[in-house]
Amino acid sequence: MKADTHPDYHEITVQMTDGTKYTTRSTWGKPGETMVLEIDPTSHPAWTGGPARLNEAGGQVAKFNKRFAGISLPTKK
């Protein structure tokens, strides 16, 4: 196997949305850095079963409605 083909595997700290932290090994970032999560199993509706807490105002449907707001379809007589 070739030498130096794999990225550096080191310990980092992961901070959940509720503030809890844990240490794990990863190829992300540099040794000792903290990865702050925006979505995790404590807040995502796929795991909690509740409504989404994310407010996506610029989603695809909103973008479509904004773009075609002035267009109306002809009605049959």
Protein backbone atom coordinates (compact mmCIF):
# COMPACT_ATOMS: atom_id res chain seq x y z
CA MET A 1 0.00 0.00 0.00
CA LYS A 2 1.26 3.51 -0.82
CA ALA A 3 2.44 5.69 2.05
CA ASP A 4 0.67 9.00 2.85
CA THR A 5 -2.50 8.23 0.89
CA HIS A 6 -4.89 8.54 3.85
CA PRO A 7 -5.76 11.81 5.63
CA ASP A 8 -4.61 12.47 9.19
CA TYR A 9 -6.87 10.72 11.74
CA HIS A 10 -6.92 12.61 15.07
CA GLU A 11 -9.09 13.52 18.07
CA ILE A 12 -11.58 16.41 17.89
CA THR A 13 -14.38 17.65 20.16
CA VAL A 14 -17.97 17.69 18.87
CA GLN A 15 -20.40 20.18 20.42
CA MET A 16 -24.10 19.32 20.12
CA THR A 17 -26.87 21.93 19.78
CA ASP A 18 -27.75 21.58 23.49
CA GLY A 19 -24.16 22.39 24.50
CA THR A 20 -22.99 18.88 25.40
CA LYS A 21 -19.57 17.89 24.12
CA TYR A 22 -17.80 14.63 23.40
CA THR A 23 -14.44 13.62 22.00
CA THR A 24 -14.12 11.44 18.93
CA ARG A 25 -11.62 10.65 16.21
CA SER A 26 -12.04 12.20 12.77
CA THR A 27 -10.26 13.48 9.68
CA TRP A 28 -12.09 16.83 10.00
CA GLY A 29 -10.12 19.92 10.99
CA LYS A 30 -6.97 19.91 13.06
CA PRO A 31 -6.21 17.98 16.27
CA GLY A 32 -8.02 19.50 19.25
CA GLU A 33 -10.50 21.62 17.25
CA THR A 34 -14.19 21.78 18.14
CA MET A 35 -16.89 21.00 15.56
CA VAL A 36 -20.10 22.88 16.46
CA LEU A 37 -23.18 21.16 15.05
CA GLU A 38 -26.21 23.10 13.79
CA ILE A 39 -28.39 19.99 13.50
CA ASP A 40 -28.03 16.81 15.54
CA PRO A 41 -30.18 13.92 16.82
CA THR A 42 -31.42 16.04 19.76
CA SER A 43 -32.92 18.73 17.49
CA HIS A 44 -33.70 17.13 14.12
CA PRO A 45 -37.34 16.09 13.60
CA ALA A 46 -36.29 12.81 11.96
CA TRP A 47 -35.06 11.64 15.38
CA THR A 48 -37.34 13.62 17.70
CA GLY A 49 -40.59 12.99 15.81
CA GLY A 50 -41.64 16.61 16.33
CA PRO A 51 -42.12 19.50 13.97
CA ALA A 52 -39.13 20.99 12.21
CA ARG A 53 -37.45 23.85 14.04
CA LEU A 54 -35.73 25.08 10.92
CA ASN A 55 -37.21 28.11 9.20
CA GLU A 56 -36.29 27.93 5.55
CA ALA A 57 -37.70 31.13 4.07
CA GLY A 58 -35.66 30.84 0.90
CA GLY A 59 -36.71 27.32 -0.08
CA GLN A 60 -37.54 26.08 -3.56
CA VAL A 61 -41.31 26.56 -3.18
CA ALA A 62 -40.89 30.14 -1.92
CA LYS A 63 -38.49 30.87 -4.76
CA PHE A 64 -40.99 29.46 -7.31
CA ASN A 65 -43.91 31.44 -5.86
CA LYS A 66 -41.88 34.65 -5.87
CA ARG A 67 -40.75 34.15 -9.46
CA PHE A 68 -44.21 33.34 -10.87
CA ALA A 69 -46.40 35.46 -8.58
CA GLY A 70 -47.71 37.73 -11.36
CA ILE A 71 -48.58 34.98 -13.83
CA SER A 72 -52.15 33.69 -13.94
CA LEU A 73 -53.50 30.86 -16.03
CA PRO A 74 -56.36 31.57 -18.45
CA THR A 75 -59.68 30.17 -17.34
CA LYS A 76 -62.00 28.17 -19.59
CA LYS A 77 -65.32 29.75 -20.49
